[in-house]
Amino acid sequence: MQEFRIQKGDVKVIRKALLKRDKGVCAECREKTGMWDADHVTAVVNGGGGCALDGYQTLCVECHKKKTKLDLQERDQRRTAP
C-alpha cells in the first residue's frame, strides 16, 4: 500500500484509499454503506491533523455524527480544565 502523510490532503485521494482498504465498512458499527465519511481517528481539533492513512477510518454518517460530538466535547473539556 502507498505510504503518505496528509497535511491538507486531496479528499478524493483519501476517500479512494480508504474505500480500497475498508471496502466501505464502518469502523464503529461494522455496517457497509454507500454513504460514509473519511474520519480522523484522532480528531483534528484534538491534534489529529497531518496523519498517514492509518490515522483515518471509515465511518457511516450516523457514527461520524456521534464521534464528532464526542470529539468536540473532549476539546471543550480540555479548554475548561484548570
N, C-alpha and C. Protein backbone atom coordinates (compact mmCIF):
# COMPACT_ATOMS: atom_id res chain seq x y z
N MET A 1 0.84 -1.18 0.00
CA MET A 1 0.00 0.00 0.00
C MET A 1 0.88 1.23 0.00
N GLN A 2 0.42 2.27 -0.67
CA GLN A 2 1.14 3.53 -0.76
C GLN A 2 1.19 4.20 0.61
N GLU A 3 2.37 4.67 0.99
CA GLU A 3 2.52 5.36 2.27
C GLU A 3 2.63 6.85 2.01
N PHE A 4 1.90 7.64 2.76
CA PHE A 4 1.98 9.09 2.65
C PHE A 4 1.44 9.72 3.91
N ARG A 5 1.85 10.95 4.13
CA ARG A 5 1.30 11.75 5.23
C ARG A 5 0.48 12.85 4.61
N ILE A 6 -0.64 13.14 5.21
CA ILE A 6 -1.58 14.08 4.64
C ILE A 6 -1.62 15.34 5.50
N GLN A 7 -1.31 16.48 4.91
CA GLN A 7 -1.44 17.76 5.61
C GLN A 7 -2.83 18.30 5.35
N LYS A 8 -3.02 18.86 4.19
CA LYS A 8 -4.34 19.26 3.73
C LYS A 8 -4.55 18.47 2.46
N GLY A 9 -4.91 17.22 2.64
CA GLY A 9 -4.94 16.28 1.54
C GLY A 9 -6.10 16.47 0.57
N ASP A 10 -5.93 15.87 -0.56
CA ASP A 10 -6.97 15.81 -1.56
C ASP A 10 -8.00 14.80 -1.08
N VAL A 11 -9.20 15.27 -0.79
CA VAL A 11 -10.24 14.41 -0.23
C VAL A 11 -10.52 13.21 -1.12
N LYS A 12 -10.47 13.40 -2.43
CA LYS A 12 -10.73 12.28 -3.35
C LYS A 12 -9.67 11.19 -3.19
N VAL A 13 -8.42 11.57 -3.03
CA VAL A 13 -7.33 10.60 -2.85
C VAL A 13 -7.53 9.83 -1.54
N ILE A 14 -7.85 10.55 -0.48
CA ILE A 14 -8.05 9.93 0.83
C ILE A 14 -9.23 8.95 0.77
N ARG A 15 -10.35 9.39 0.22
CA ARG A 15 -11.54 8.52 0.15
C ARG A 15 -11.28 7.29 -0.72
N LYS A 16 -10.56 7.47 -1.82
CA LYS A 16 -10.25 6.33 -2.70
C LYS A 16 -9.40 5.30 -1.96
N ALA A 17 -8.40 5.77 -1.22
CA ALA A 17 -7.53 4.87 -0.47
C ALA A 17 -8.30 4.18 0.66
N LEU A 18 -9.19 4.91 1.34
CA LEU A 18 -10.00 4.30 2.40
C LEU A 18 -10.98 3.27 1.84
N LEU A 19 -11.58 3.58 0.71
CA LEU A 19 -12.51 2.64 0.11
C LEU A 19 -11.79 1.34 -0.27
N LYS A 20 -10.60 1.47 -0.80
CA LYS A 20 -9.81 0.29 -1.16
C LYS A 20 -9.46 -0.53 0.09
N ARG A 21 -9.08 0.17 1.17
CA ARG A 21 -8.67 -0.51 2.40
C ARG A 21 -9.87 -1.08 3.18
N ASP A 22 -10.92 -0.26 3.35
CA ASP A 22 -12.02 -0.63 4.26
C ASP A 22 -13.25 -1.16 3.55
N LYS A 23 -13.30 -1.05 2.25
CA LYS A 23 -14.42 -1.56 1.44
C LYS A 23 -15.76 -0.94 1.85
N GLY A 24 -15.75 0.29 2.39
CA GLY A 24 -16.98 0.98 2.75
C GLY A 24 -17.62 0.49 4.04
N VAL A 25 -16.88 -0.28 4.84
CA VAL A 25 -17.40 -0.82 6.11
C VAL A 25 -17.05 0.15 7.24
N CYS A 26 -18.06 0.56 7.99
CA CYS A 26 -17.89 1.48 9.11
C CYS A 26 -17.04 0.83 10.20
N ALA A 27 -16.03 1.56 10.67
CA ALA A 27 -15.13 1.04 11.71
C ALA A 27 -15.85 0.90 13.06
N GLU A 28 -16.94 1.60 13.25
CA GLU A 28 -17.66 1.57 14.53
C GLU A 28 -18.77 0.51 14.54
N CYS A 29 -19.74 0.63 13.66
CA CYS A 29 -20.90 -0.28 13.69
C CYS A 29 -20.74 -1.49 12.77
N ARG A 30 -19.70 -1.48 11.94
CA ARG A 30 -19.34 -2.58 11.03
C ARG A 30 -20.34 -2.76 9.88
N GLU A 31 -21.23 -1.79 9.68
CA GLU A 31 -22.17 -1.85 8.57
C GLU A 31 -21.50 -1.34 7.30
N LYS A 32 -21.87 -1.93 6.16
CA LYS A 32 -21.37 -1.46 4.87
C LYS A 32 -22.42 -0.54 4.27
N THR A 33 -21.98 0.63 3.85
CA THR A 33 -22.91 1.61 3.33
C THR A 33 -22.26 2.40 2.21
N GLY A 34 -23.07 2.95 1.33
CA GLY A 34 -22.56 3.81 0.28
C GLY A 34 -22.34 5.23 0.76
N MET A 35 -22.92 5.57 1.90
CA MET A 35 -22.78 6.90 2.49
C MET A 35 -21.85 6.81 3.69
N TRP A 36 -20.62 7.26 3.52
CA TRP A 36 -19.65 7.20 4.61
C TRP A 36 -18.74 8.40 4.57
N ASP A 37 -18.06 8.64 5.69
CA ASP A 37 -17.13 9.75 5.81
C ASP A 37 -15.73 9.24 6.10
N ALA A 38 -14.74 9.95 5.59
CA ALA A 38 -13.34 9.71 5.95
C ALA A 38 -13.09 10.48 7.24
N ASP A 39 -12.85 9.77 8.31
CA ASP A 39 -12.74 10.38 9.64
C ASP A 39 -11.32 10.25 10.17
N HIS A 40 -10.83 11.31 10.80
CA HIS A 40 -9.54 11.23 11.51
C HIS A 40 -9.77 10.42 12.78
N VAL A 41 -8.98 9.39 13.01
CA VAL A 41 -9.09 8.59 14.23
C VAL A 41 -8.96 9.50 15.44
N THR A 42 -7.94 10.36 15.44
CA THR A 42 -7.82 11.42 16.44
C THR A 42 -8.26 12.69 15.74
N ALA A 43 -9.31 13.30 16.22
CA ALA A 43 -9.89 14.48 15.57
C ALA A 43 -8.85 15.58 15.40
N VAL A 44 -8.97 16.33 14.33
CA VAL A 44 -8.06 17.46 14.08
C VAL A 44 -8.10 18.43 15.26
N VAL A 45 -9.28 18.69 15.82
CA VAL A 45 -9.39 19.61 16.97
C VAL A 45 -8.69 19.08 18.21
N ASN A 46 -8.35 17.79 18.19
CA ASN A 46 -7.65 17.17 19.31
C ASN A 46 -6.23 16.75 18.93
N GLY A 47 -5.70 17.34 17.85
CA GLY A 47 -4.31 17.09 17.48
C GLY A 47 -4.09 16.05 16.40
N GLY A 48 -5.14 15.63 15.71
CA GLY A 48 -5.02 14.55 14.74
C GLY A 48 -4.75 14.94 13.31
N GLY A 49 -4.39 16.17 13.03
CA GLY A 49 -4.11 16.56 11.66
C GLY A 49 -2.76 16.05 11.20
N GLY A 50 -2.52 16.11 9.90
CA GLY A 50 -1.22 15.73 9.34
C GLY A 50 -0.86 14.28 9.60
N CYS A 51 -1.79 13.38 9.34
CA CYS A 51 -1.55 11.97 9.64
C CYS A 51 -1.43 11.14 8.36
N ALA A 52 -0.93 9.94 8.51
CA ALA A 52 -0.87 8.98 7.41
C ALA A 52 -2.24 8.32 7.29
N LEU A 53 -2.39 7.45 6.32
CA LEU A 53 -3.67 6.79 6.09
C LEU A 53 -4.15 6.02 7.32
N ASP A 54 -3.22 5.48 8.10
CA ASP A 54 -3.64 4.74 9.30
C ASP A 54 -4.24 5.65 10.36
N GLY A 55 -4.16 6.97 10.17
CA GLY A 55 -4.80 7.92 11.06
C GLY A 55 -6.23 8.25 10.64
N TYR A 56 -6.71 7.56 9.60
CA TYR A 56 -8.07 7.74 9.11
C TYR A 56 -8.86 6.45 9.29
N GLN A 57 -10.17 6.60 9.37
CA GLN A 57 -11.06 5.44 9.40
C GLN A 57 -12.32 5.78 8.63
N THR A 58 -12.99 4.75 8.17
CA THR A 58 -14.26 4.88 7.50
C THR A 58 -15.35 4.83 8.56
N LEU A 59 -16.23 5.84 8.56
CA LEU A 59 -17.38 5.84 9.46
C LEU A 59 -18.64 6.13 8.65
N CYS A 60 -19.72 5.42 8.96
CA CYS A 60 -21.00 5.75 8.34
C CYS A 60 -21.41 7.13 8.85
N VAL A 61 -22.34 7.75 8.19
CA VAL A 61 -22.73 9.11 8.53
C VAL A 61 -23.20 9.21 9.99
N GLU A 62 -24.02 8.27 10.43
CA GLU A 62 -24.53 8.32 11.81
C GLU A 62 -23.41 8.17 12.84
N CYS A 63 -22.52 7.21 12.64
CA CYS A 63 -21.41 7.03 13.58
C CYS A 63 -20.47 8.23 13.56
N HIS A 64 -20.30 8.84 12.38
CA HIS A 64 -19.44 10.02 12.28
C HIS A 64 -20.04 11.18 13.07
N LYS A 65 -21.35 11.37 13.00
CA LYS A 65 -22.01 12.43 13.78
C LYS A 65 -21.79 12.21 15.27
N LYS A 66 -21.94 10.97 15.74
CA LYS A 66 -21.76 10.66 17.16
C LYS A 66 -20.31 10.92 17.59
N LYS A 67 -19.36 10.47 16.77
CA LYS A 67 -17.94 10.65 17.11
C LYS A 67 -17.58 12.13 17.12
N THR A 68 -18.06 12.89 16.16
CA THR A 68 -17.76 14.31 16.10
C THR A 68 -18.26 15.01 17.36
N LYS A 69 -19.45 14.65 17.82
CA LYS A 69 -19.99 15.23 19.06
C LYS A 69 -19.07 14.93 20.24
N LEU A 70 -18.61 13.69 20.35
CA LEU A 70 -17.69 13.31 21.43
C LEU A 70 -16.35 14.02 21.31
N ASP A 71 -15.84 14.14 20.07
CA ASP A 71 -14.57 14.84 19.84
C ASP A 71 -14.66 16.29 20.30
N LEU A 72 -15.76 16.95 20.00
CA LEU A 72 -15.93 18.34 20.40
C LEU A 72 -16.09 18.48 21.91
N GLN A 73 -16.75 17.51 22.53
CA GLN A 73 -16.87 17.52 23.99
C GLN A 73 -15.49 17.37 24.63
N GLU A 74 -14.66 16.49 24.06
CA GLU A 74 -13.30 16.31 24.58
C GLU A 74 -12.50 17.61 24.47
N ARG A 75 -12.61 18.27 23.32
CA ARG A 75 -11.93 19.55 23.13
C ARG A 75 -12.40 20.58 24.16
N ASP A 76 -13.71 20.67 24.36
CA ASP A 76 -14.26 21.64 25.29
C ASP A 76 -13.82 21.35 26.73
N GLN A 77 -13.74 20.08 27.10
CA GLN A 77 -13.28 19.72 28.43
C GLN A 77 -11.83 20.14 28.65
N ARG A 78 -11.02 19.98 27.62
CA ARG A 78 -9.61 20.41 27.72
C ARG A 78 -9.51 21.92 27.88
N ARG A 79 -10.36 22.64 27.19
CA ARG A 79 -10.34 24.11 27.25
C ARG A 79 -10.76 24.63 28.62
N THR A 80 -11.64 23.91 29.30
CA THR A 80 -12.14 24.38 30.60
C THR A 80 -11.39 23.77 31.78
N ALA A 81 -10.48 22.85 31.51
CA ALA A 81 -9.73 22.21 32.59
C ALA A 81 -8.77 23.22 33.23
N PRO A 82 -8.63 23.14 34.55
CA PRO A 82 -7.74 24.09 35.25
C PRO A 82 -6.28 23.87 34.91
